[in-house]
Amino acid sequence: MDLTASDGEEQPGLARTFASASAVYDGEPQSIPEARQFTREFLTRVQAAQGILVSAPAIGTAQLVVSELVTNVCKYAPGPCLLDLRVAGDMLMITVWDSDPALPAVLETDPTRIGQHGMEIVRALCQSLNIDQEPVGKRITARLPLSDSQAPTAPGR
């Protein structure tokens, strides 16, 4: 994994990016644990190389979010996907791109429903969730804090 550190420049309206890394997966089931491991290694390296505090629960949450997003690609958008991780300020931006233009359903909470809770879980864990159609496929970006003190407290945030 290449950990790219920025030069520290800030763009108007955006937090300073301290580090980023990307990985491409083939969309097969093995992509899921590989993406989780990539996320853990990235956050561990960010902590060591950049001195940014990343709580253990934040690492676990990031791995869960990545797991749910990559699982959706494997189940519903067969083919390659790109995982991009970025530390901006005190937030982690997780972006997953795939080549299928169909947008995922973000269903309301329903404890009686069997399955299809992935995006519901992601939405509950993250401070923000953006789903964008691209000229080819779609891009899903989840934003979550690197420390426990900023974690969402209300369901559906």
C-alpha atoms as a PDB file:
ATOM      1  CA  MET A   1       0.000   0.000   0.000  1.00  0.00           C
ATOM      2  CA  ASP A   2       1.265   3.418  -0.889  1.00  0.00           C
ATOM      3  CA  LEU A   3       0.396   6.054   1.670  1.00  0.00           C
ATOM      4  CA  THR A   4       0.261   9.416  -0.013  1.00  0.00           C
ATOM      5  CA  ALA A   5       0.765  12.412   2.208  1.00  0.00           C
ATOM      6  CA  SER A   6      -0.371  15.750   0.877  1.00  0.00           C
ATOM      7  CA  ASP A   7       1.693  18.890   0.938  1.00  0.00           C
ATOM      8  CA  GLY A   8      -0.681  20.287   3.529  1.00  0.00           C
ATOM      9  CA  GLU A   9      -2.361  22.767   1.207  1.00  0.00           C
ATOM     10  CA  GLU A  10      -5.989  23.426   1.878  1.00  0.00           C
ATOM     11  CA  GLN A  11      -8.564  23.905  -0.827  1.00  0.00           C
ATOM     12  CA  PRO A  12     -11.354  26.410  -0.200  1.00  0.00           C
ATOM     13  CA  GLY A  13     -14.200  24.772   1.733  1.00  0.00           C
ATOM     14  CA  LEU A  14     -12.308  21.517   2.293  1.00  0.00           C
ATOM     15  CA  ALA A  15     -10.379  20.263   5.290  1.00  0.00           C
ATOM     16  CA  ARG A  16      -6.670  19.673   4.893  1.00  0.00           C
ATOM     17  CA  THR A  17      -5.913  16.205   3.508  1.00  0.00           C
ATOM     18  CA  PHE A  18      -3.175  14.528   5.516  1.00  0.00           C
ATOM     19  CA  ALA A  19      -3.007  11.134   3.800  1.00  0.00           C
ATOM     20  CA  SER A  20      -4.737   9.034   1.186  1.00  0.00           C
ATOM     21  CA  ALA A  21      -4.517   5.577  -0.318  1.00  0.00           C
ATOM     22  CA  SER A  22      -6.460   3.650  -2.944  1.00  0.00           C
ATOM     23  CA  ALA A  23      -6.925   0.016  -3.872  1.00  0.00           C
ATOM     24  CA  VAL A  24      -8.684  -1.741  -6.736  1.00  0.00           C
ATOM     25  CA  TYR A  25     -10.620  -4.962  -6.207  1.00  0.00           C
ATOM     26  CA  ASP A  26     -12.140  -7.396  -8.677  1.00  0.00           C
ATOM     27  CA  GLY A  27     -15.520  -7.529  -6.932  1.00  0.00           C
ATOM     28  CA  GLU A  28     -15.189 -11.178  -5.944  1.00  0.00           C
ATOM     29  CA  PRO A  29     -16.082 -12.189  -2.355  1.00  0.00           C
ATOM     30  CA  GLN A  30     -12.387 -12.198  -1.345  1.00  0.00           C
ATOM     31  CA  SER A  31     -12.420  -8.423  -1.978  1.00  0.00           C
ATOM     32  CA  ILE A  32     -14.349  -7.887   1.262  1.00  0.00           C
ATOM     33  CA  PRO A  33     -11.731  -9.074   3.793  1.00  0.00           C
ATOM     34  CA  GLU A  34      -8.955  -7.599   1.641  1.00  0.00           C
ATOM     35  CA  ALA A  35     -10.639  -4.170   1.762  1.00  0.00           C
ATOM     36  CA  ARG A  36     -11.120  -4.430   5.544  1.00  0.00           C
ATOM     37  CA  GLN A  37      -7.421  -5.262   5.987  1.00  0.00           C
ATOM     38  CA  PHE A  38      -6.395  -2.434   3.645  1.00  0.00           C
ATOM     39  CA  THR A  39      -8.452  -0.021   5.771  1.00  0.00           C
ATOM     40  CA  ARG A  40      -6.886  -1.198   9.037  1.00  0.00           C
ATOM     41  CA  GLU A  41      -3.362  -0.954   7.590  1.00  0.00           C
ATOM     42  CA  PHE A  42      -4.049   2.518   6.179  1.00  0.00           C
ATOM     43  CA  LEU A  43      -5.335   3.902   9.480  1.00  0.00           C
ATOM     44  CA  THR A  44      -2.490   2.272  11.413  1.00  0.00           C
ATOM     45  CA  ARG A  45       0.048   3.849   9.046  1.00  0.00           C
ATOM     46  CA  VAL A  46      -1.672   7.235   9.228  1.00  0.00           C
ATOM     47  CA  GLN A  47      -1.362   7.112  12.992  1.00  0.00           C
ATOM     48  CA  ALA A  48       2.304   6.154  12.890  1.00  0.00           C
ATOM     49  CA  ALA A  49       3.435   8.347   9.977  1.00  0.00           C
ATOM     50  CA  GLN A  50       1.288  11.422  10.515  1.00  0.00           C
ATOM     51  CA  GLY A  51       0.814  11.296  14.288  1.00  0.00           C
ATOM     52  CA  ILE A  52      -2.957  11.577  13.882  1.00  0.00           C
ATOM     53  CA  LEU A  53      -4.915   9.992  16.715  1.00  0.00           C
ATOM     54  CA  VAL A  54      -7.219   7.256  15.425  1.00  0.00           C
ATOM     55  CA  SER A  55      -9.242   5.493  18.109  1.00  0.00           C
ATOM     56  CA  ALA A  56      -9.579   1.710  18.088  1.00  0.00           C
ATOM     57  CA  PRO A  57     -13.389   1.993  17.788  1.00  0.00           C
ATOM     58  CA  ALA A  58     -12.931   4.319  14.783  1.00  0.00           C
ATOM     59  CA  ILE A  59     -10.760   1.694  13.077  1.00  0.00           C
ATOM     60  CA  GLY A  60     -13.424  -0.953  13.724  1.00  0.00           C
ATOM     61  CA  THR A  61     -16.184   1.331  12.457  1.00  0.00           C
ATOM     62  CA  ALA A  62     -14.193   2.175   9.333  1.00  0.00           C
ATOM     63  CA  GLN A  63     -13.640  -1.518   8.642  1.00  0.00           C
ATOM     64  CA  LEU A  64     -17.365  -2.215   9.068  1.00  0.00           C
ATOM     65  CA  VAL A  65     -18.343   0.619   6.720  1.00  0.00           C
ATOM     66  CA  VAL A  66     -15.825  -0.540   4.098  1.00  0.00           C
ATOM     67  CA  SER A  67     -17.031  -4.116   4.500  1.00  0.00           C
ATOM     68  CA  GLU A  68     -20.673  -3.127   3.916  1.00  0.00           C
ATOM     69  CA  LEU A  69     -19.860  -0.944   0.904  1.00  0.00           C
ATOM     70  CA  VAL A  70     -17.613  -3.533  -0.770  1.00  0.00           C
ATOM     71  CA  THR A  71     -20.132  -6.290   0.012  1.00  0.00           C
ATOM     72  CA  ASN A  72     -22.757  -4.282  -1.884  1.00  0.00           C
ATOM     73  CA  VAL A  73     -20.436  -4.141  -4.883  1.00  0.00           C
ATOM     74  CA  CYS A  74     -19.860  -7.901  -4.742  1.00  0.00           C
ATOM     75  CA  LYS A  75     -23.596  -8.640  -4.468  1.00  0.00           C
ATOM     76  CA  TYR A  76     -25.217  -6.032  -6.672  1.00  0.00           C
ATOM     77  CA  ALA A  77     -22.588  -4.489  -8.964  1.00  0.00           C
ATOM     78  CA  PRO A  78     -20.379  -7.304 -10.212  1.00  0.00           C
ATOM     79  CA  GLY A  79     -17.070  -6.163 -11.575  1.00  0.00           C
ATOM     80  CA  PRO A  80     -14.192  -4.048 -10.372  1.00  0.00           C
ATOM     81  CA  CYS A  81     -14.394  -1.458  -7.636  1.00  0.00           C
ATOM     82  CA  LEU A  82     -12.086   1.235  -6.357  1.00  0.00           C
ATOM     83  CA  LEU A  83     -11.675   1.971  -2.659  1.00  0.00           C
ATOM     84  CA  ASP A  84     -10.262   5.381  -1.807  1.00  0.00           C
ATOM     85  CA  LEU A  85      -9.417   6.339   1.778  1.00  0.00           C
ATOM     86  CA  ARG A  86      -8.573   9.914   2.766  1.00  0.00           C
ATOM     87  CA  VAL A  87      -7.864  11.531   6.099  1.00  0.00           C
ATOM     88  CA  ALA A  88      -9.057  15.136   5.921  1.00  0.00           C
ATOM     89  CA  GLY A  89      -8.793  17.092   9.132  1.00  0.00           C
ATOM     90  CA  ASP A  90     -10.130  14.798  11.851  1.00  0.00           C
ATOM     91  CA  MET A  91     -12.362  12.836   9.468  1.00  0.00           C
ATOM     92  CA  LEU A  92     -11.960   9.730   7.328  1.00  0.00           C
ATOM     93  CA  MET A  93     -13.499   9.860   3.863  1.00  0.00           C
ATOM     94  CA  ILE A  94     -14.284   6.399   2.487  1.00  0.00           C
ATOM     95  CA  THR A  95     -15.158   6.345  -1.207  1.00  0.00           C
ATOM     96  CA  VAL A  96     -16.145   3.241  -3.137  1.00  0.00           C
ATOM     97  CA  TRP A  97     -16.650   3.417  -6.896  1.00  0.00           C
ATOM     98  CA  ASP A  98     -18.085   0.685  -9.098  1.00  0.00           C
ATOM     99  CA  SER A  99     -19.128   0.517 -12.740  1.00  0.00           C
ATOM    100  CA  ASP A 100     -22.840  -0.237 -12.222  1.00  0.00           C
ATOM    101  CA  PRO A 101     -25.024   2.894 -12.547  1.00  0.00           C
ATOM    102  CA  ALA A 102     -27.852   1.469 -10.386  1.00  0.00           C
ATOM    103  CA  LEU A 103     -27.982   3.376  -7.102  1.00  0.00           C
ATOM    104  CA  PRO A 104     -28.286   1.373  -3.877  1.00  0.00           C
ATOM    105  CA  ALA A 105     -31.462   1.539  -1.858  1.00  0.00           C
ATOM    106  CA  VAL A 106     -31.033   3.088   1.564  1.00  0.00           C
ATOM    107  CA  LEU A 107     -34.000   1.536   3.322  1.00  0.00           C
ATOM    108  CA  GLU A 108     -35.583   2.769   6.534  1.00  0.00           C
ATOM    109  CA  THR A 109     -34.978   0.800   9.698  1.00  0.00           C
ATOM    110  CA  ASP A 110     -37.091  -2.342   9.809  1.00  0.00           C
ATOM    111  CA  PRO A 111     -36.087  -4.918  12.435  1.00  0.00           C
ATOM    112  CA  THR A 112     -38.389  -7.498  10.802  1.00  0.00           C
ATOM    113  CA  ARG A 113     -36.628  -7.302   7.413  1.00  0.00           C
ATOM    114  CA  ILE A 114     -34.196 -10.092   6.701  1.00  0.00           C
ATOM    115  CA  GLY A 115     -31.137  -8.758   4.903  1.00  0.00           C
ATOM    116  CA  GLN A 116     -30.513  -5.523   3.024  1.00  0.00           C
ATOM    117  CA  HIS A 117     -29.375  -3.639   6.132  1.00  0.00           C
ATOM    118  CA  GLY A 118     -25.934  -2.660   4.772  1.00  0.00           C
ATOM    119  CA  MET A 119     -26.643   0.896   3.688  1.00  0.00           C
ATOM    120  CA  GLU A 120     -28.814   1.402   6.771  1.00  0.00           C
ATOM    121  CA  ILE A 121     -25.822   0.452   8.928  1.00  0.00           C
ATOM    122  CA  VAL A 122     -23.476   2.712   6.960  1.00  0.00           C
ATOM    123  CA  ARG A 123     -25.872   5.651   7.225  1.00  0.00           C
ATOM    124  CA  ALA A 124     -26.203   5.152  11.005  1.00  0.00           C
ATOM    125  CA  LEU A 125     -22.441   4.981  11.585  1.00  0.00           C
ATOM    126  CA  CYS A 126     -21.317   7.893   9.427  1.00  0.00           C
ATOM    127  CA  GLN A 127     -21.623  11.636   9.791  1.00  0.00           C
ATOM    128  CA  SER A 128     -22.552  11.874   6.133  1.00  0.00           C
ATOM    129  CA  LEU A 129     -23.242   9.591   3.202  1.00  0.00           C
ATOM    130  CA  ASN A 130     -23.265  10.732  -0.426  1.00  0.00           C
ATOM    131  CA  ILE A 131     -24.299   8.582  -3.358  1.00  0.00           C
ATOM    132  CA  ASP A 132     -23.472  10.025  -6.767  1.00  0.00           C
ATOM    133  CA  GLN A 133     -24.011   8.707 -10.266  1.00  0.00           C
ATOM    134  CA  GLU A 134     -20.915   9.085 -12.401  1.00  0.00           C
ATOM    135  CA  PRO A 135     -20.504   9.047 -16.186  1.00  0.00           C
ATOM    136  CA  VAL A 136     -19.612   5.397 -15.633  1.00  0.00           C
ATOM    137  CA  GLY A 137     -21.142   3.767 -12.571  1.00  0.00           C
ATOM    138  CA  LYS A 138     -21.553   5.351  -9.152  1.00  0.00           C
ATOM    139  CA  ARG A 139     -19.510   6.701  -6.271  1.00  0.00           C
ATOM    140  CA  ILE A 140     -20.469   6.325  -2.619  1.00  0.00           C
ATOM    141  CA  THR A 141     -18.664   8.479  -0.071  1.00  0.00           C
ATOM    142  CA  ALA A 142     -19.034   7.978   3.660  1.00  0.00           C
ATOM    143  CA  ARG A 143     -17.521  10.398   6.137  1.00  0.00           C
ATOM    144  CA  LEU A 144     -16.719   9.349   9.689  1.00  0.00           C
ATOM    145  CA  PRO A 145     -14.737  10.765  12.584  1.00  0.00           C
ATOM    146  CA  LEU A 146     -11.376   9.397  13.617  1.00  0.00           C
ATOM    147  CA  SER A 147     -12.164   9.868  17.313  1.00  0.00           C
ATOM    148  CA  ASP A 148     -15.016   8.590  19.449  1.00  0.00           C
ATOM    149  CA  SER A 149     -16.010  12.059  20.638  1.00  0.00           C
ATOM    150  CA  GLN A 150     -17.362  12.980  17.192  1.00  0.00           C
ATOM    151  CA  ALA A 151     -19.204   9.753  16.418  1.00  0.00           C
ATOM    152  CA  PRO A 152     -22.855  10.119  15.399  1.00  0.00           C
ATOM    153  CA  THR A 153     -25.223   9.742  18.330  1.00  0.00           C
ATOM    154  CA  ALA A 154     -28.592   9.663  16.575  1.00  0.00           C
ATOM    155  CA  PRO A 155     -29.686   6.805  14.325  1.00  0.00           C
ATOM    156  CA  GLY A 156     -29.713   7.675  10.654  1.00  0.00           C
ATOM    157  CA  ARG A 157     -27.182  10.519  10.774  1.00  0.00           C
END
